PDB file of N, CA and C in Angstrom:
ATOM      1  N   MET A   1      59.435 -32.346 120.716  1.00  0.00           N
ATOM      2  CA  MET A   1      59.225 -31.099 120.543  1.00  0.00           C
ATOM      3  C   MET A   1      59.893 -30.282 119.506  1.00  0.00           C
ATOM      4  N   ALA A   2      59.203 -29.107 118.967  1.00  0.00           N
ATOM      5  CA  ALA A   2      59.782 -28.190 117.958  1.00  0.00           C
ATOM      6  C   ALA A   2      60.873 -27.695 118.674  1.00  0.00           C
ATOM      7  N   ALA A   3      62.161 -27.304 118.026  1.00  0.00           N
ATOM      8  CA  ALA A   3      62.918 -26.286 118.489  1.00  0.00           C
ATOM      9  C   ALA A   3      62.430 -24.905 118.058  1.00  0.00           C
ATOM     10  N   THR A   4      62.885 -24.231 119.267  1.00  0.00           N
ATOM     11  CA  THR A   4      62.238 -22.907 119.315  1.00  0.00           C
ATOM     12  C   THR A   4      63.649 -22.062 118.685  1.00  0.00           C
ATOM     13  N   ARG A   5      63.441 -20.849 118.067  1.00  0.00           N
ATOM     14  CA  ARG A   5      64.404 -19.849 117.489  1.00  0.00           C
ATOM     15  C   ARG A   5      64.599 -18.996 118.763  1.00  0.00           C
ATOM     16  N   VAL A   6      65.865 -18.768 119.179  1.00  0.00           N
ATOM     17  CA  VAL A   6      66.455 -17.829 120.099  1.00  0.00           C
ATOM     18  C   VAL A   6      67.381 -17.349 119.583  1.00  0.00           C
ATOM     19  N   VAL A   7      67.566 -16.026 120.235  1.00  0.00           N
ATOM     20  CA  VAL A   7      68.979 -15.295 119.869  1.00  0.00           C
ATOM     21  C   VAL A   7      69.356 -14.827 121.365  1.00  0.00           C
ATOM     22  N   LEU A   8      70.827 -15.373 121.333  1.00  0.00           N
ATOM     23  CA  LEU A   8      71.708 -15.235 122.524  1.00  0.00           C
ATOM     24  C   LEU A   8      72.467 -13.823 122.374  1.00  0.00           C
ATOM     25  N   ARG A   9      72.366 -13.061 123.344  1.00  0.00           N
ATOM     26  CA  ARG A   9      72.953 -11.682 123.703  1.00  0.00           C
ATOM     27  C   ARG A   9      73.609 -11.342 124.983  1.00  0.00           C
ATOM     28  N   GLN A  10      74.359 -10.590 125.258  1.00  0.00           N
ATOM     29  CA  GLN A  10      74.610 -10.298 126.564  1.00  0.00           C
ATOM     30  C   GLN A  10      73.545  -9.507 127.520  1.00  0.00           C
ATOM     31  N   ALA A  11      73.193  -9.709 128.606  1.00  0.00           N
ATOM     32  CA  ALA A  11      72.403  -9.174 129.401  1.00  0.00           C
ATOM     33  C   ALA A  11      72.592  -7.877 129.726  1.00  0.00           C
ATOM     34  N   ARG A  12      71.423  -6.965 129.710  1.00  0.00           N
ATOM     35  CA  ARG A  12      71.379  -5.457 129.928  1.00  0.00           C
ATOM     36  C   ARG A  12      70.899  -5.397 131.289  1.00  0.00           C
ATOM     37  N   ARG A  13      71.375  -4.113 132.064  1.00  0.00           N
ATOM     38  CA  ARG A  13      70.626  -3.864 133.293  1.00  0.00           C
ATOM     39  C   ARG A  13      69.170  -3.932 133.541  1.00  0.00           C
ATOM     40  N   GLU A  14      68.573  -3.483 132.223  1.00  0.00           N
ATOM     41  CA  GLU A  14      67.190  -3.404 132.081  1.00  0.00           C
ATOM     42  C   GLU A  14      66.516  -5.024 131.981  1.00  0.00           C
ATOM     43  N   ASP A  15      67.551  -5.809 131.704  1.00  0.00           N
ATOM     44  CA  ASP A  15      66.927  -7.111 131.923  1.00  0.00           C
ATOM     45  C   ASP A  15      66.637  -8.003 133.502  1.00  0.00           C
ATOM     46  N   ALA A  16      67.345  -7.222 134.361  1.00  0.00           N
ATOM     47  CA  ALA A  16      67.071  -7.857 135.810  1.00  0.00           C
ATOM     48  C   ALA A  16      65.815  -8.112 136.198  1.00  0.00           C
ATOM     49  N   PRO A  17      64.604  -7.425 136.340  1.00  0.00           N
ATOM     50  CA  PRO A  17      63.232  -7.501 136.613  1.00  0.00           C
ATOM     51  C   PRO A  17      63.026  -8.924 135.717  1.00  0.00           C
ATOM     52  N   ARG A  18      63.292  -9.063 134.625  1.00  0.00           N
ATOM     53  CA  ARG A  18      62.785 -10.518 133.881  1.00  0.00           C
ATOM     54  C   ARG A  18      63.677 -11.460 134.327  1.00  0.00           C
ATOM     55  N   LEU A  19      64.917 -11.468 134.440  1.00  0.00           N
ATOM     56  CA  LEU A  19      65.847 -12.682 135.085  1.00  0.00           C
ATOM     57  C   LEU A  19      65.253 -13.047 136.575  1.00  0.00           C
ATOM     58  N   HIS A  20      64.905 -12.112 137.237  1.00  0.00           N
ATOM     59  CA  HIS A  20      64.504 -12.504 138.536  1.00  0.00           C
ATOM     60  C   HIS A  20      63.052 -13.419 138.113  1.00  0.00           C
ATOM     61  N   GLU A  21      62.270 -12.915 137.375  1.00  0.00           N
ATOM     62  CA  GLU A  21      60.936 -13.433 136.981  1.00  0.00           C
ATOM     63  C   GLU A  21      61.203 -14.802 136.625  1.00  0.00           C
ATOM     64  N   LEU A  22      62.120 -14.910 135.886  1.00  0.00           N
ATOM     65  CA  LEU A  22      62.314 -16.388 135.116  1.00  0.00           C
ATOM     66  C   LEU A  22      62.915 -17.016 136.211  1.00  0.00           C
ATOM     67  N   HIS A  23      63.967 -16.882 136.887  1.00  0.00           N
ATOM     68  CA  HIS A  23      64.549 -17.698 138.013  1.00  0.00           C
ATOM     69  C   HIS A  23      63.618 -18.134 138.756  1.00  0.00           C
ATOM     70  N   THR A  24      62.788 -17.236 139.418  1.00  0.00           N
ATOM     71  CA  THR A  24      61.728 -17.608 140.259  1.00  0.00           C
ATOM     72  C   THR A  24      60.850 -18.713 139.835  1.00  0.00           C
ATOM     73  N   ALA A  25      60.128 -18.423 138.733  1.00  0.00           N
ATOM     74  CA  ALA A  25      59.526 -19.228 137.794  1.00  0.00           C
ATOM     75  C   ALA A  25      59.906 -20.618 137.489  1.00  0.00           C
ATOM     76  N   ALA A  26      60.989 -20.654 137.049  1.00  0.00           N
ATOM     77  CA  ALA A  26      61.487 -21.853 137.020  1.00  0.00           C
ATOM     78  C   ALA A  26      61.885 -22.759 138.076  1.00  0.00           C
ATOM     79  N   VAL A  27      62.245 -22.183 139.486  1.00  0.00           N
ATOM     80  CA  VAL A  27      62.814 -22.750 140.627  1.00  0.00           C
ATOM     81  C   VAL A  27      61.248 -23.418 141.116  1.00  0.00           C
ATOM     82  N   ARG A  28      60.252 -22.352 140.957  1.00  0.00           N
ATOM     83  CA  ARG A  28      58.825 -22.823 141.757  1.00  0.00           C
ATOM     84  C   ARG A  28      58.414 -23.953 140.922  1.00  0.00           C
ATOM     85  N   SER A  29      58.462 -23.694 139.636  1.00  0.00           N
ATOM     86  CA  SER A  29      57.676 -24.659 138.663  1.00  0.00           C
ATOM     87  C   SER A  29      58.435 -26.176 138.638  1.00  0.00           C
ATOM     88  N   LEU A  30      59.757 -26.078 138.321  1.00  0.00           N
ATOM     89  CA  LEU A  30      60.443 -27.002 137.725  1.00  0.00           C
ATOM     90  C   LEU A  30      60.990 -27.995 138.570  1.00  0.00           C
ATOM     91  N   CYS A  31      61.338 -27.310 139.836  1.00  0.00           N
ATOM     92  CA  CYS A  31      61.791 -27.973 141.060  1.00  0.00           C
ATOM     93  C   CYS A  31      61.080 -28.397 142.104  1.00  0.00           C
ATOM     94  N   ALA A  32      60.088 -28.152 141.823  1.00  0.00           N
ATOM     95  CA  ALA A  32      58.881 -28.418 142.809  1.00  0.00           C
ATOM     96  C   ALA A  32      58.429 -29.894 142.889  1.00  0.00           C
ATOM     97  N   PRO A  33      58.589 -30.863 141.928  1.00  0.00           N
ATOM     98  CA  PRO A  33      58.352 -32.171 142.099  1.00  0.00           C
ATOM     99  C   PRO A  33      59.747 -33.038 142.642  1.00  0.00           C
ATOM    100  N   TYR A  34      60.909 -31.996 143.083  1.00  0.00           N
ATOM    101  CA  TYR A  34      61.954 -32.862 143.501  1.00  0.00           C
ATOM    102  C   TYR A  34      62.278 -32.288 144.803  1.00  0.00           C
ATOM    103  N   TYR A  35      61.789 -30.969 145.133  1.00  0.00           N
ATOM    104  CA  TYR A  35      62.122 -30.409 146.313  1.00  0.00           C
ATOM    105  C   TYR A  35      61.173 -29.924 147.362  1.00  0.00           C
ATOM    106  N   SER A  36      61.122 -29.825 148.427  1.00  0.00           N
ATOM    107  CA  SER A  36      59.949 -29.402 149.459  1.00  0.00           C
ATOM    108  C   SER A  36      59.774 -28.035 149.215  1.00  0.00           C
ATOM    109  N   PRO A  37      58.702 -27.403 149.310  1.00  0.00           N
ATOM    110  CA  PRO A  37      58.654 -26.174 149.571  1.00  0.00           C
ATOM    111  C   PRO A  37      59.263 -25.231 150.268  1.00  0.00           C
ATOM    112  N   GLU A  38      59.947 -25.963 151.519  1.00  0.00           N
ATOM    113  CA  GLU A  38      60.799 -25.097 152.546  1.00  0.00           C
ATOM    114  C   GLU A  38      62.155 -24.944 151.892  1.00  0.00           C
ATOM    115  N   ILE A  39      62.391 -26.043 151.044  1.00  0.00           N
ATOM    116  CA  ILE A  39      63.925 -25.891 150.208  1.00  0.00           C
ATOM    117  C   ILE A  39      63.715 -24.688 149.411  1.00  0.00           C
ATOM    118  N   ILE A  40      62.643 -24.701 148.443  1.00  0.00           N
ATOM    119  CA  ILE A  40      62.595 -23.711 147.375  1.00  0.00           C
ATOM    120  C   ILE A  40      62.454 -22.248 147.968  1.00  0.00           C
ATOM    121  N   ASP A  41      61.461 -22.229 148.904  1.00  0.00           N
ATOM    122  CA  ASP A  41      61.218 -20.929 149.706  1.00  0.00           C
ATOM    123  C   ASP A  41      62.732 -20.409 150.058  1.00  0.00           C
ATOM    124  N   GLY A  42      63.389 -21.414 150.665  1.00  0.00           N
ATOM    125  CA  GLY A  42      64.894 -20.756 151.106  1.00  0.00           C
ATOM    126  C   GLY A  42      65.796 -20.430 150.112  1.00  0.00           C
ATOM    127  N   TRP A  43      65.719 -21.362 148.977  1.00  0.00           N
ATOM    128  CA  TRP A  43      66.647 -20.718 147.775  1.00  0.00           C
ATOM    129  C   TRP A  43      66.236 -19.294 147.204  1.00  0.00           C
ATOM    130  N   LEU A  44      65.184 -19.151 147.301  1.00  0.00           N
ATOM    131  CA  LEU A  44      64.477 -17.731 146.540  1.00  0.00           C
ATOM    132  C   LEU A  44      64.363 -16.948 147.874  1.00  0.00           C
ATOM    133  N   HIS A  45      64.671 -16.798 148.965  1.00  0.00           N
ATOM    134  CA  HIS A  45      64.551 -16.251 150.100  1.00  0.00           C
ATOM    135  C   HIS A  45      65.375 -14.948 149.713  1.00  0.00           C
ATOM    136  N   ASN A  46      64.822 -13.926 149.873  1.00  0.00           N
ATOM    137  CA  ASN A  46      65.823 -12.532 149.904  1.00  0.00           C
ATOM    138  C   ASN A  46      66.514 -12.250 148.438  1.00  0.00           C
ATOM    139  N   ARG A  47      65.747 -12.921 147.530  1.00  0.00           N
ATOM    140  CA  ARG A  47      66.333 -12.466 145.910  1.00  0.00           C
ATOM    141  C   ARG A  47      65.575 -11.545 145.286  1.00  0.00           C
ATOM    142  N   ASN A  48      66.039 -10.570 144.785  1.00  0.00           N
ATOM    143  CA  ASN A  48      65.501  -9.685 144.086  1.00  0.00           C
ATOM    144  C   ASN A  48      66.004  -9.074 142.751  1.00  0.00           C
ATOM    145  N   PRO A  49      65.175  -8.563 142.099  1.00  0.00           N
ATOM    146  CA  PRO A  49      66.183  -8.173 140.591  1.00  0.00           C
ATOM    147  C   PRO A  49      67.569  -7.464 140.758  1.00  0.00           C
ATOM    148  N   ASN A  50      67.919  -6.644 141.846  1.00  0.00           N
ATOM    149  CA  ASN A  50      69.137  -6.053 141.994  1.00  0.00           C
ATOM    150  C   ASN A  50      70.406  -7.129 142.117  1.00  0.00           C
ATOM    151  N   GLY A  51      70.058  -8.248 142.638  1.00  0.00           N
ATOM    152  CA  GLY A  51      70.719  -9.276 142.734  1.00  0.00           C
ATOM    153  C   GLY A  51      71.340  -9.899 141.247  1.00  0.00           C
ATOM    154  N   TYR A  52      71.180  -9.348 140.182  1.00  0.00           N
ATOM    155  CA  TYR A  52      71.419  -9.966 138.860  1.00  0.00           C
ATOM    156  C   TYR A  52      72.282  -8.545 138.310  1.00  0.00           C
ATOM    157  N   LEU A  53      72.187  -7.501 138.756  1.00  0.00           N
ATOM    158  CA  LEU A  53      72.985  -6.470 138.529  1.00  0.00           C
ATOM    159  C   LEU A  53      74.660  -6.702 138.450  1.00  0.00           C
ATOM    160  N   SER A  54      74.978  -7.130 139.627  1.00  0.00           N
ATOM    161  CA  SER A  54      76.502  -7.283 139.550  1.00  0.00           C
ATOM    162  C   SER A  54      77.067  -8.524 138.416  1.00  0.00           C
ATOM    163  N   PRO A  55      76.453  -9.416 138.454  1.00  0.00           N
ATOM    164  CA  PRO A  55      77.181 -10.259 136.968  1.00  0.00           C
ATOM    165  C   PRO A  55      76.788  -9.962 136.036  1.00  0.00           C
ATOM    166  N   ILE A  56      75.630  -9.001 135.901  1.00  0.00           N
ATOM    167  CA  ILE A  56      75.306  -8.179 134.456  1.00  0.00           C
ATOM    168  C   ILE A  56      76.503  -7.400 134.281  1.00  0.00           C
ATOM    169  N   GLU A  57      77.058  -6.405 134.996  1.00  0.00           N
ATOM    170  CA  GLU A  57      78.014  -5.480 134.893  1.00  0.00           C
ATOM    171  C   GLU A  57      79.414  -6.007 134.622  1.00  0.00           C
ATOM    172  N   ARG A  58      79.803  -7.634 135.367  1.00  0.00           N
ATOM    173  CA  ARG A  58      80.520  -8.254 134.813  1.00  0.00           C
ATOM    174  C   ARG A  58      80.653  -9.028 133.666  1.00  0.00           C
ATOM    175  N   GLY A  59      79.628  -9.061 132.820  1.00  0.00           N
ATOM    176  CA  GLY A  59      79.559  -9.643 131.486  1.00  0.00           C
ATOM    177  C   GLY A  59      79.269 -11.119 131.734  1.00  0.00           C
ATOM    178  N   ALA A  60      78.911 -11.878 132.959  1.00  0.00           N
ATOM    179  CA  ALA A  60      78.610 -13.051 133.250  1.00  0.00           C
ATOM    180  C   ALA A  60      77.572 -13.428 132.947  1.00  0.00           C
ATOM    181  N   ILE A  61      76.464 -12.711 132.467  1.00  0.00           N
ATOM    182  CA  ILE A  61      75.235 -13.204 132.287  1.00  0.00           C
ATOM    183  C   ILE A  61      75.048 -12.732 130.829  1.00  0.00           C
ATOM    184  N   PHE A  62      74.243 -13.814 130.085  1.00  0.00           N
ATOM    185  CA  PHE A  62      73.898 -13.665 128.941  1.00  0.00           C
ATOM    186  C   PHE A  62      72.052 -14.306 128.834  1.00  0.00           C
ATOM    187  N   VAL A  63      71.489 -13.844 127.921  1.00  0.00           N
ATOM    188  CA  VAL A  63      69.868 -13.899 127.698  1.00  0.00           C
ATOM    189  C   VAL A  63      69.714 -14.720 126.342  1.00  0.00           C
ATOM    190  N   ALA A  64      68.728 -15.292 126.645  1.00  0.00           N
ATOM    191  CA  ALA A  64      68.030 -15.971 125.056  1.00  0.00           C
ATOM    192  C   ALA A  64      66.639 -15.215 125.153  1.00  0.00           C
ATOM    193  N   GLU A  65      66.851 -14.838 123.716  1.00  0.00           N
ATOM    194  CA  GLU A  65      65.351 -14.014 123.569  1.00  0.00           C
ATOM    195  C   GLU A  65      64.616 -14.879 122.311  1.00  0.00           C
ATOM    196  N   GLU A  66      63.461 -15.033 122.399  1.00  0.00           N
ATOM    197  CA  GLU A  66      62.518 -15.277 121.395  1.00  0.00           C
ATOM    198  C   GLU A  66      61.681 -14.272 121.033  1.00  0.00           C
ATOM    199  N   ASN A  67      61.367 -13.557 119.860  1.00  0.00           N
ATOM    200  CA  ASN A  67      60.426 -12.590 119.490  1.00  0.00           C
ATOM    201  C   ASN A  67      60.530 -11.084 120.339  1.00  0.00           C
ATOM    202  N   ALA A  68      61.715 -11.365 120.484  1.00  0.00           N
ATOM    203  CA  ALA A  68      62.411  -9.879 121.330  1.00  0.00           C
ATOM    204  C   ALA A  68      61.980 -10.105 122.967  1.00  0.00           C
ATOM    205  N   ARG A  69      61.673 -11.292 123.368  1.00  0.00           N
ATOM    206  CA  ARG A  69      61.231 -11.322 124.871  1.00  0.00           C
ATOM    207  C   ARG A  69      62.270 -12.130 125.108  1.00  0.00           C
ATOM    208  N   VAL A  70      62.794 -11.752 126.400  1.00  0.00           N
ATOM    209  CA  VAL A  70      63.642 -12.714 127.281  1.00  0.00           C
ATOM    210  C   VAL A  70      62.978 -14.174 128.131  1.00  0.00           C
ATOM    211  N   VAL A  71      63.616 -15.243 127.340  1.00  0.00           N
ATOM    212  CA  VAL A  71      62.727 -16.555 127.865  1.00  0.00           C
ATOM    213  C   VAL A  71      63.978 -17.516 128.543  1.00  0.00           C
ATOM    214  N   GLY A  72      65.076 -17.167 128.813  1.00  0.00           N
ATOM    215  CA  GLY A  72      66.105 -17.509 129.403  1.00  0.00           C
ATOM    216  C   GLY A  72      67.149 -17.151 129.602  1.00  0.00           C
ATOM    217  N   PHE A  73      68.141 -17.365 130.528  1.00  0.00           N
ATOM    218  CA  PHE A  73      69.420 -16.907 130.982  1.00  0.00           C
ATOM    219  C   PHE A  73      70.410 -17.739 131.318  1.00  0.00           C
ATOM    220  N   GLY A  74      71.609 -17.523 131.343  1.00  0.00           N
ATOM    221  CA  GLY A  74      72.601 -18.418 131.563  1.00  0.00           C
ATOM    222  C   GLY A  74      73.916 -17.331 132.352  1.00  0.00           C
ATOM    223  N   GLU A  75      74.594 -17.878 133.239  1.00  0.00           N
ATOM    224  CA  GLU A  75      75.512 -17.200 133.904  1.00  0.00           C
ATOM    225  C   GLU A  75      76.714 -18.036 133.970  1.00  0.00           C
ATOM    226  N   THR A  76      77.859 -17.564 133.716  1.00  0.00           N
ATOM    227  CA  THR A  76      79.174 -18.406 133.870  1.00  0.00           C
ATOM    228  C   THR A  76      80.398 -17.519 134.426  1.00  0.00           C
ATOM    229  N   ALA A  77      81.463 -18.435 134.637  1.00  0.00           N
ATOM    230  CA  ALA A  77      82.685 -17.762 135.179  1.00  0.00           C
ATOM    231  C   ALA A  77      83.579 -18.637 134.620  1.00  0.00           C
ATOM    232  N   PRO A  78      84.874 -18.208 134.725  1.00  0.00           N
ATOM    233  CA  PRO A  78      86.138 -19.105 133.994  1.00  0.00           C
ATOM    234  C   PRO A  78      86.011 -20.630 134.613  1.00  0.00           C
ATOM    235  N   GLY A  79      85.800 -21.534 133.689  1.00  0.00           N
ATOM    236  CA  GLY A  79      85.809 -22.994 134.220  1.00  0.00           C
ATOM    237  C   GLY A  79      84.353 -23.537 135.039  1.00  0.00           C
ATOM    238  N   ALA A  80      83.190 -22.510 135.221  1.00  0.00           N
ATOM    239  CA  ALA A  80      82.141 -23.007 135.543  1.00  0.00           C
ATOM    240  C   ALA A  80      80.863 -22.280 135.082  1.00  0.00           C
ATOM    241  N   ILE A  81      79.537 -23.169 135.017  1.00  0.00           N
ATOM    242  CA  ILE A  81      78.596 -22.764 134.592  1.00  0.00           C
ATOM    243  C   ILE A  81      77.677 -22.733 135.837  1.00  0.00           C
ATOM    244  N   VAL A  82      77.451 -21.483 135.951  1.00  0.00           N
ATOM    245  CA  VAL A  82      76.638 -21.043 137.190  1.00  0.00           C
ATOM    246  C   VAL A  82      75.158 -21.155 137.387  1.00  0.00           C
ATOM    247  N   ALA A  83      74.744 -20.859 136.087  1.00  0.00           N
ATOM    248  CA  ALA A  83      73.208 -20.977 136.082  1.00  0.00           C
ATOM    249  C   ALA A  83      72.528 -21.309 134.466  1.00  0.00           C
ATOM    250  N   VAL A  84      71.758 -21.968 134.481  1.00  0.00           N
ATOM    251  CA  VAL A  84      70.978 -22.023 133.282  1.00  0.00           C
ATOM    252  C   VAL A  84      69.351 -22.218 133.695  1.00  0.00           C
ATOM    253  N   TYR A  85      68.865 -21.240 133.203  1.00  0.00           N
ATOM    254  CA  TYR A  85      67.269 -21.040 133.573  1.00  0.00           C
ATOM    255  C   TYR A  85      66.576 -20.761 132.324  1.00  0.00           C
ATOM    256  N   VAL A  86      65.299 -21.450 132.452  1.00  0.00           N
ATOM    257  CA  VAL A  86      64.488 -21.654 130.763  1.00  0.00           C
ATOM    258  C   VAL A  86      62.998 -21.292 131.447  1.00  0.00           C
ATOM    259  N   ASP A  87      62.260 -20.309 130.964  1.00  0.00           N
ATOM    260  CA  ASP A  87      60.790 -20.041 131.069  1.00  0.00           C
ATOM    261  C   ASP A  87      60.268 -21.516 131.056  1.00  0.00           C
ATOM    262  N   PRO A  88      59.590 -21.866 132.259  1.00  0.00           N
ATOM    263  CA  PRO A  88      59.034 -23.171 132.421  1.00  0.00           C
ATOM    264  C   PRO A  88      58.021 -23.478 131.118  1.00  0.00           C
ATOM    265  N   SER A  89      57.311 -22.617 130.524  1.00  0.00           N
ATOM    266  CA  SER A  89      56.629 -23.225 129.336  1.00  0.00           C
ATOM    267  C   SER A  89      57.249 -23.559 127.914  1.00  0.00           C
ATOM    268  N   LEU A  90      58.601 -23.333 128.229  1.00  0.00           N
ATOM    269  CA  LEU A  90      59.499 -23.648 126.816  1.00  0.00           C
ATOM    270  C   LEU A  90      60.616 -24.659 127.052  1.00  0.00           C
ATOM    271  N   THR A  91      60.260 -25.494 128.217  1.00  0.00           N
ATOM    272  CA  THR A  91      61.334 -26.554 128.428  1.00  0.00           C
ATOM    273  C   THR A  91      60.929 -27.413 127.312  1.00  0.00           C
ATOM    274  N   LEU A  92      62.139 -28.090 127.237  1.00  0.00           N
ATOM    275  CA  LEU A  92      62.231 -29.194 125.686  1.00  0.00           C
ATOM    276  C   LEU A  92      61.708 -28.577 124.512  1.00  0.00           C
ATOM    277  N   HIS A  93      62.131 -27.507 124.207  1.00  0.00           N
ATOM    278  CA  HIS A  93      62.079 -26.536 122.981  1.00  0.00           C
ATOM    279  C   HIS A  93      63.311 -25.986 122.404  1.00  0.00           C
ATOM    280  N   GLY A  94      64.490 -26.420 123.170  1.00  0.00           N
ATOM    281  CA  GLY A  94      65.800 -26.170 122.690  1.00  0.00           C
ATOM    282  C   GLY A  94      66.451 -24.707 123.147  1.00  0.00           C
ATOM    283  N   VAL A  95      65.948 -24.145 124.153  1.00  0.00           N
ATOM    284  CA  VAL A  95      66.210 -23.084 124.762  1.00  0.00           C
ATOM    285  C   VAL A  95      67.554 -23.394 125.683  1.00  0.00           C
ATOM    286  N   GLY A  96      67.114 -24.182 126.465  1.00  0.00           N
ATOM    287  CA  GLY A  96      68.129 -24.413 127.481  1.00  0.00           C
ATOM    288  C   GLY A  96      69.504 -25.250 126.856  1.00  0.00           C
ATOM    289  N   SER A  97      69.250 -25.952 125.572  1.00  0.00           N
ATOM    290  CA  SER A  97      70.258 -26.435 124.991  1.00  0.00           C
ATOM    291  C   SER A  97      71.199 -25.427 124.291  1.00  0.00           C
ATOM    292  N   ALA A  98      70.524 -24.418 123.881  1.00  0.00           N
ATOM    293  CA  ALA A  98      71.357 -23.351 123.166  1.00  0.00           C
ATOM    294  C   ALA A  98      71.992 -22.359 124.504  1.00  0.00           C
ATOM    295  N   ILE A  99      71.421 -22.150 125.202  1.00  0.00           N
ATOM    296  CA  ILE A  99      71.933 -21.611 126.699  1.00  0.00           C
ATOM    297  C   ILE A  99      73.411 -22.186 126.969  1.00  0.00           C
ATOM    298  N   LEU A 100      73.014 -23.665 127.375  1.00  0.00           N
ATOM    299  CA  LEU A 100      73.811 -24.422 127.761  1.00  0.00           C
ATOM    300  C   LEU A 100      75.123 -24.475 127.131  1.00  0.00           C
ATOM    301  N   ARG A 101      75.071 -24.623 125.437  1.00  0.00           N
ATOM    302  CA  ARG A 101      76.133 -24.672 124.544  1.00  0.00           C
ATOM    303  C   ARG A 101      77.075 -23.244 124.782  1.00  0.00           C
ATOM    304  N   ARG A 102      76.365 -22.300 124.934  1.00  0.00           N
ATOM    305  CA  ARG A 102      77.081 -20.853 125.074  1.00  0.00           C
ATOM    306  C   ARG A 102      77.654 -20.971 126.247  1.00  0.00           C
ATOM    307  N   ALA A 103      76.830 -21.120 127.402  1.00  0.00           N
ATOM    308  CA  ALA A 103      77.832 -21.259 128.543  1.00  0.00           C
ATOM    309  C   ALA A 103      79.083 -22.040 128.254  1.00  0.00           C
ATOM    310  N   ILE A 104      79.063 -23.317 128.013  1.00  0.00           N
ATOM    311  CA  ILE A 104      80.163 -23.978 127.925  1.00  0.00           C
ATOM    312  C   ILE A 104      81.342 -23.042 127.049  1.00  0.00           C
ATOM    313  N   GLU A 105      80.924 -22.530 126.124  1.00  0.00           N
ATOM    314  CA  GLU A 105      81.942 -21.660 125.360  1.00  0.00           C
ATOM    315  C   GLU A 105      82.367 -20.734 126.131  1.00  0.00           C
ATOM    316  N   VAL A 106      81.691 -19.929 126.597  1.00  0.00           N
ATOM    317  CA  VAL A 106      82.059 -18.883 127.338  1.00  0.00           C
ATOM    318  C   VAL A 106      83.109 -19.069 128.606  1.00  0.00           C
ATOM    319  N   ALA A 107      82.285 -20.307 129.373  1.00  0.00           N
ATOM    320  CA  ALA A 107      83.157 -20.935 130.612  1.00  0.00           C
ATOM    321  C   ALA A 107      84.704 -21.142 130.140  1.00  0.00           C
ATOM    322  N   ARG A 108      85.007 -21.878 128.875  1.00  0.00           N
ATOM    323  CA  ARG A 108      86.038 -22.177 128.571  1.00  0.00           C
ATOM    324  C   ARG A 108      87.236 -21.138 128.204  1.00  0.00           C
ATOM    325  N   ARG A 109      86.612 -20.080 128.171  1.00  0.00           N
ATOM    326  CA  ARG A 109      87.567 -18.842 127.708  1.00  0.00           C
ATOM    327  C   ARG A 109      88.464 -18.782 128.751  1.00  0.00           C
ATOM    328  N   ASN A 110      89.596 -18.460 128.322  1.00  0.00           N
ATOM    329  CA  ASN A 110      90.649 -18.460 129.076  1.00  0.00           C
ATOM    330  C   ASN A 110      90.405 -19.167 130.553  1.00  0.00           C
ATOM    331  N   HIS A 111      90.446 -20.406 130.196  1.00  0.00           N
ATOM    332  CA  HIS A 111      90.675 -21.597 131.341  1.00  0.00           C
ATOM    333  C   HIS A 111      90.887 -22.840 130.640  1.00  0.00           C
ATOM    334  N   HIS A 112      91.226 -23.690 131.206  1.00  0.00           N
ATOM    335  CA  HIS A 112      92.200 -24.922 130.889  1.00  0.00           C
ATOM    336  C   HIS A 112      91.741 -25.890 131.803  1.00  0.00           C
ATOM    337  N   GLY A 113      91.110 -27.065 131.289  1.00  0.00           N
ATOM    338  CA  GLY A 113      90.521 -27.976 132.127  1.00  0.00           C
ATOM    339  C   GLY A 113      89.155 -28.283 132.245  1.00  0.00           C
ATOM    340  N   PRO A 114      88.751 -29.157 132.928  1.00  0.00           N
ATOM    341  CA  PRO A 114      87.288 -29.570 132.831  1.00  0.00           C
ATOM    342  C   PRO A 114      86.386 -28.330 133.390  1.00  0.00           C
ATOM    343  N   ILE A 115      85.048 -28.289 132.841  1.00  0.00           N
ATOM    344  CA  ILE A 115      84.198 -27.392 133.073  1.00  0.00           C
ATOM    345  C   ILE A 115      83.352 -27.861 134.420  1.00  0.00           C
ATOM    346  N   ARG A 116      83.222 -26.997 135.310  1.00  0.00           N
ATOM    347  CA  ARG A 116      82.166 -27.495 136.444  1.00  0.00           C
ATOM    348  C   ARG A 116      80.765 -27.002 136.314  1.00  0.00           C
ATOM    349  N   VAL A 117      79.952 -28.049 136.563  1.00  0.00           N
ATOM    350  CA  VAL A 117      78.495 -27.881 136.531  1.00  0.00           C
ATOM    351  C   VAL A 117      77.784 -28.130 137.588  1.00  0.00           C
ATOM    352  N   LYS A 118      77.039 -27.437 138.584  1.00  0.00           N
ATOM    353  CA  LYS A 118      76.276 -27.837 139.569  1.00  0.00           C
ATOM    354  C   LYS A 118      74.784 -27.966 139.083  1.00  0.00           C
ATOM    355  N   SER A 119      74.151 -29.064 139.632  1.00  0.00           N
ATOM    356  CA  SER A 119      72.710 -28.991 139.000  1.00  0.00           C
ATOM    357  C   SER A 119      71.696 -29.609 139.951  1.00  0.00           C
ATOM    358  N   THR A 120      70.572 -28.953 140.038  1.00  0.00           N
ATOM    359  CA  THR A 120      69.644 -29.361 140.682  1.00  0.00           C
ATOM    360  C   THR A 120      69.125 -30.673 140.222  1.00  0.00           C
ATOM    361  N   LEU A 121      68.255 -31.301 141.286  1.00  0.00           N
ATOM    362  CA  LEU A 121      67.799 -32.834 140.789  1.00  0.00           C
ATOM    363  C   LEU A 121      67.052 -32.884 139.517  1.00  0.00           C
ATOM    364  N   ASN A 122      66.219 -31.805 139.381  1.00  0.00           N
ATOM    365  CA  ASN A 122      65.293 -32.044 137.796  1.00  0.00           C
ATOM    366  C   ASN A 122      66.085 -31.800 136.946  1.00  0.00           C
ATOM    367  N   ALA A 123      67.342 -30.952 136.924  1.00  0.00           N
ATOM    368  CA  ALA A 123      68.099 -30.802 135.643  1.00  0.00           C
ATOM    369  C   ALA A 123      69.131 -31.735 135.329  1.00  0.00           C
ATOM    370  N   SER A 124      69.366 -32.563 136.155  1.00  0.00           N
ATOM    371  CA  SER A 124      70.884 -33.479 136.248  1.00  0.00           C
ATOM    372  C   SER A 124      70.921 -34.429 134.671  1.00  0.00           C
ATOM    373  N   GLY A 125      69.629 -34.835 134.186  1.00  0.00           N
ATOM    374  CA  GLY A 125      69.721 -35.489 133.251  1.00  0.00           C
ATOM    375  C   GLY A 125      69.975 -34.626 131.949  1.00  0.00           C
ATOM    376  N   PHE A 126      69.753 -33.282 131.909  1.00  0.00           N
ATOM    377  CA  PHE A 126      69.712 -32.325 130.976  1.00  0.00           C
ATOM    378  C   PHE A 126      71.294 -32.089 131.045  1.00  0.00           C
TER     379      PHE A 126
END
């Protein structure tokens, strides 16, 4: 697949609804072959756009934009990659790889030692 051109930037408060939309779409679409609907529903239960505001304010979330549209996001903490989510229609286009590279870079700041990454089954090869 051809690589998609993305721009990475820090997330802003107004991105929260789109982050929620992307997160939900990615989990429902990409995890469905690996997890039961009950598990997926449990992961997404009580999620809403406001849940992204605190990590946005801490500077822990950044977004990937293509043509000024948010198409993915990553969340980090020192020594850990918390999340990498991509619009399901753009998997295998380089968006997730760009997010992961930035996430590793950010997670290494002020941290010495290995970087922790937890993955769902569908993303373990990624």
